[in-house]
C-alpha atoms as a PDB file:
ATOM      1  CA  MET A   1      -8.815  22.228   4.646  1.00  0.00           C
ATOM      2  CA  PRO A   2      -6.963  22.143   1.718  1.00  0.00           C
ATOM      3  CA  ARG A   3      -6.082  18.720  -0.280  1.00  0.00           C
ATOM      4  CA  ARG A   4      -2.225  17.316   0.523  1.00  0.00           C
ATOM      5  CA  LEU A   5      -0.024  15.181  -1.915  1.00  0.00           C
ATOM      6  CA  ILE A   6       1.965  12.415   0.102  1.00  0.00           C
ATOM      7  CA  SER A   7       5.421  11.630  -1.785  1.00  0.00           C
ATOM      8  CA  THR A   8       8.175   9.005  -1.190  1.00  0.00           C
ATOM      9  CA  GLY A   9      10.467  11.341  -3.432  1.00  0.00           C
ATOM     10  CA  SER A  10      10.614   9.059  -5.920  1.00  0.00           C
ATOM     11  CA  PRO A  11      11.515  10.627  -9.285  1.00  0.00           C
ATOM     12  CA  PHE A  12       8.685   8.195 -10.520  1.00  0.00           C
ATOM     13  CA  GLU A  13       5.647  10.146  -8.960  1.00  0.00           C
ATOM     14  CA  LYS A  14       6.553  13.361 -10.682  1.00  0.00           C
ATOM     15  CA  THR A  15       7.695  11.331 -13.990  1.00  0.00           C
ATOM     16  CA  ALA A  16       4.254   9.591 -14.181  1.00  0.00           C
ATOM     17  CA  GLY A  17       2.119  11.921 -12.209  1.00  0.00           C
ATOM     18  CA  TYR A  18       1.184  10.350  -9.169  1.00  0.00           C
ATOM     19  CA  SER A  19       1.455  10.924  -5.812  1.00  0.00           C
ATOM     20  CA  ARG A  20       1.672   7.686  -3.052  1.00  0.00           C
ATOM     21  CA  ALA A  21      -1.016   9.412  -0.812  1.00  0.00           C
ATOM     22  CA  VAL A  22      -3.417  12.291  -1.679  1.00  0.00           C
ATOM     23  CA  ILE A  23      -5.268  13.405   1.553  1.00  0.00           C
ATOM     24  CA  ASP A  24      -8.457  15.465   1.015  1.00  0.00           C
ATOM     25  CA  GLY A  25     -10.459  16.662   4.055  1.00  0.00           C
ATOM     26  CA  ASP A  26     -11.133  12.577   6.331  1.00  0.00           C
ATOM     27  CA  PHE A  27     -10.281  10.879   3.630  1.00  0.00           C
ATOM     28  CA  ALA A  28      -6.503   9.126   2.624  1.00  0.00           C
ATOM     29  CA  PHE A  29      -6.277   7.606  -0.514  1.00  0.00           C
ATOM     30  CA  VAL A  30      -2.740   5.273  -0.987  1.00  0.00           C
ATOM     31  CA  SER A  31      -1.513   4.636  -4.503  1.00  0.00           C
ATOM     32  CA  GLY A  32      -1.096   0.983  -5.233  1.00  0.00           C
ATOM     33  CA  THR A  33       2.506   0.647  -3.445  1.00  0.00           C
ATOM     34  CA  THR A  34       4.397  -2.305  -4.514  1.00  0.00           C
ATOM     35  CA  GLY A  35       7.685  -4.309  -2.235  1.00  0.00           C
ATOM     36  CA  TYR A  36      10.251  -1.627  -2.626  1.00  0.00           C
ATOM     37  CA  ASP A  37      12.239  -1.450  -0.260  1.00  0.00           C
ATOM     38  CA  TYR A  38      13.008   2.631  -0.404  1.00  0.00           C
ATOM     39  CA  ALA A  39      15.835   2.651   1.633  1.00  0.00           C
ATOM     40  CA  THR A  40      18.026   0.657  -0.748  1.00  0.00           C
ATOM     41  CA  MET A  41      15.681   0.647  -3.674  1.00  0.00           C
ATOM     42  CA  THR A  42      15.782  -3.280  -4.111  1.00  0.00           C
ATOM     43  CA  MET A  43      12.870  -5.238  -4.320  1.00  0.00           C
ATOM     44  CA  PRO A  44      13.083  -8.636  -2.292  1.00  0.00           C
ATOM     45  CA  ALA A  45      12.698 -11.839  -4.750  1.00  0.00           C
ATOM     46  CA  ASP A  46       9.776 -13.208  -2.011  1.00  0.00           C
ATOM     47  CA  VAL A  47       5.901 -11.976  -1.438  1.00  0.00           C
ATOM     48  CA  THR A  48       5.903 -11.973   1.891  1.00  0.00           C
ATOM     49  CA  SER A  49       9.046  -9.433   2.196  1.00  0.00           C
ATOM     50  CA  GLN A  50       7.980  -7.830  -0.853  1.00  0.00           C
ATOM     51  CA  THR A  51       4.070  -7.462   0.812  1.00  0.00           C
ATOM     52  CA  ARG A  52       5.885  -6.622   4.221  1.00  0.00           C
ATOM     53  CA  ASN A  53       7.475  -3.686   2.546  1.00  0.00           C
ATOM     54  CA  CYS A  54       4.469  -2.867   1.172  1.00  0.00           C
ATOM     55  CA  PHE A  55       2.476  -2.193   4.413  1.00  0.00           C
ATOM     56  CA  LYS A  56       5.575  -0.343   5.694  1.00  0.00           C
ATOM     57  CA  THR A  57       5.757   2.403   2.954  1.00  0.00           C
ATOM     58  CA  ILE A  58       1.662   2.305   3.267  1.00  0.00           C
ATOM     59  CA  GLU A  59       1.984   3.081   6.889  1.00  0.00           C
ATOM     60  CA  SER A  60       4.627   5.660   6.676  1.00  0.00           C
ATOM     61  CA  ALA A  61       1.785   7.563   4.001  1.00  0.00           C
ATOM     62  CA  LEU A  62      -0.484   7.674   5.904  1.00  0.00           C
ATOM     63  CA  THR A  63       1.423   8.971   9.476  1.00  0.00           C
ATOM     64  CA  ASP A  64       2.936  11.687   7.265  1.00  0.00           C
ATOM     65  CA  GLY A  65      -0.471  12.570   6.623  1.00  0.00           C
ATOM     66  CA  GLY A  66      -1.428  12.344  10.201  1.00  0.00           C
ATOM     67  CA  PHE A  67      -3.300   9.321   9.771  1.00  0.00           C
ATOM     68  CA  ALA A  68      -2.904   5.708  11.429  1.00  0.00           C
ATOM     69  CA  LEU A  69      -2.735   2.376   9.763  1.00  0.00           C
ATOM     70  CA  ALA A  70      -6.150   1.972  11.953  1.00  0.00           C
ATOM     71  CA  ASP A  71      -7.760   3.815   9.970  1.00  0.00           C
ATOM     72  CA  VAL A  72      -8.004   1.837   7.031  1.00  0.00           C
ATOM     73  CA  VAL A  73     -11.156   1.636   5.519  1.00  0.00           C
ATOM     74  CA  ARG A  74     -10.798  -0.164   2.055  1.00  0.00           C
ATOM     75  CA  ALA A  75      -7.689  -2.793   0.462  1.00  0.00           C
ATOM     76  CA  THR A  76      -7.140  -3.768  -3.012  1.00  0.00           C
ATOM     77  CA  TYR A  77      -4.295  -6.510  -2.963  1.00  0.00           C
ATOM     78  CA  TYR A  78      -2.995  -7.292  -6.485  1.00  0.00           C
ATOM     79  CA  ILE A  79      -0.969 -10.740  -6.602  1.00  0.00           C
ATOM     80  CA  THR A  80       0.674 -12.321  -9.981  1.00  0.00           C
ATOM     81  CA  ASP A  81       0.597 -15.452  -8.768  1.00  0.00           C
ATOM     82  CA  ALA A  82      -2.282 -16.970  -7.452  1.00  0.00           C
ATOM     83  CA  GLY A  83      -0.552 -19.397  -4.859  1.00  0.00           C
ATOM     84  CA  ASP A  84       1.190 -16.273  -2.973  1.00  0.00           C
ATOM     85  CA  ALA A  85      -2.110 -15.664  -1.553  1.00  0.00           C
ATOM     86  CA  ASP A  86      -1.346 -17.378   1.381  1.00  0.00           C
ATOM     87  CA  ALA A  87       1.918 -15.919   2.275  1.00  0.00           C
ATOM     88  CA  VAL A  88      -0.149 -12.234   1.424  1.00  0.00           C
ATOM     89  CA  PHE A  89      -2.748 -13.165   3.558  1.00  0.00           C
ATOM     90  CA  ALA A  90      -0.656 -14.071   6.533  1.00  0.00           C
ATOM     91  CA  VAL A  91       0.860 -10.261   6.803  1.00  0.00           C
ATOM     92  CA  CYS A  92      -2.161  -8.241   5.781  1.00  0.00           C
ATOM     93  CA  GLY A  93      -3.563 -10.582   9.181  1.00  0.00           C
ATOM     94  CA  GLU A  94      -0.647  -9.823  11.084  1.00  0.00           C
ATOM     95  CA  LYS A  95      -1.697  -5.653   9.541  1.00  0.00           C
ATOM     96  CA  LEU A  96      -4.868  -5.709   9.823  1.00  0.00           C
ATOM     97  CA  GLY A  97      -6.195  -8.465  11.254  1.00  0.00           C
ATOM     98  CA  ASP A  98      -7.868  -6.308  14.160  1.00  0.00           C
ATOM     99  CA  ILE A  99      -8.787  -3.566  11.833  1.00  0.00           C
ATOM    100  CA  ARG A 100     -10.590  -5.810   9.557  1.00  0.00           C
ATOM    101  CA  PRO A 101     -11.052  -3.423   6.274  1.00  0.00           C
ATOM    102  CA  ALA A 102     -13.155  -4.037   3.700  1.00  0.00           C
ATOM    103  CA  ALA A 103     -10.828  -6.040   1.253  1.00  0.00           C
ATOM    104  CA  THR A 104     -10.211  -7.530  -2.204  1.00  0.00           C
ATOM    105  CA  LEU A 105      -7.749  -9.940  -3.591  1.00  0.00           C
ATOM    106  CA  LEU A 106      -7.340  -9.857  -7.365  1.00  0.00           C
ATOM    107  CA  VAL A 107      -4.502 -12.226  -9.085  1.00  0.00           C
ATOM    108  CA  VAL A 108      -3.333 -10.540 -12.533  1.00  0.00           C
ATOM    109  CA  ALA A 109      -1.180 -11.403 -15.492  1.00  0.00           C
ATOM    110  CA  GLY A 110       1.439  -8.939 -14.375  1.00  0.00           C
ATOM    111  CA  LEU A 111       2.257  -5.890 -12.647  1.00  0.00           C
ATOM    112  CA  TYR A 112       4.921  -2.959 -14.283  1.00  0.00           C
ATOM    113  CA  LYS A 113       7.732  -4.908 -13.667  1.00  0.00           C
ATOM    114  CA  PRO A 114       8.404  -8.555 -13.451  1.00  0.00           C
ATOM    115  CA  GLU A 115       9.975  -8.809 -10.041  1.00  0.00           C
ATOM    116  CA  MET A 116       6.996  -6.942  -8.691  1.00  0.00           C
ATOM    117  CA  LYS A 117       4.736 -10.265  -7.256  1.00  0.00           C
ATOM    118  CA  ILE A 118       2.181  -7.563  -4.983  1.00  0.00           C
ATOM    119  CA  GLU A 119       0.596  -4.297  -5.041  1.00  0.00           C
ATOM    120  CA  ILE A 120      -1.431  -3.229  -2.708  1.00  0.00           C
ATOM    121  CA  GLU A 121      -3.563   0.095  -2.345  1.00  0.00           C
ATOM    122  CA  VAL A 122      -5.907   1.705   0.821  1.00  0.00           C
ATOM    123  CA  THR A 123      -8.375   3.917   1.347  1.00  0.00           C
ATOM    124  CA  ALA A 124      -8.602   5.435   5.344  1.00  0.00           C
ATOM    125  CA  LYS A 125     -10.902   7.639   6.889  1.00  0.00           C
ATOM    126  CA  ARG A 126     -10.288   9.841   9.992  1.00  0.00           C
ATOM    127  CA  ARG A 127     -11.954   8.509  13.018  1.00  0.00           C
ATOM    128  CA  THR A 128     -13.802  11.046  15.125  1.00  0.00           C
ATOM    129  CA  ALA A 129     -13.746  10.330  18.265  1.00  0.00           C
END
């Protein structure tokens, strides 16, 4: 199976030289995804809405690549404020509570733009029966 690139259609992907996701065999590698609502190109102010938007974009990329959220085996969360962890965990629990991938949460000094409160990247492995 050839390597396949998944795009959200953002011109920034070409400019910055990345894909939303790369499908390689039975694996999907989803790039760090921030909380933009790509339908409106807006960023909500609160971390809960941003986290929900991250998962919406991630799920869409996985689906485009022939994967499901249930295929996620690894997740990394980057947040800019440790005080947001409980709100982030609540959404992660809703989305991944039954899947329970290996996960890491990092508190970082900042993300690309100051309004970004969270970035999530995941790896998925296609299930074989």
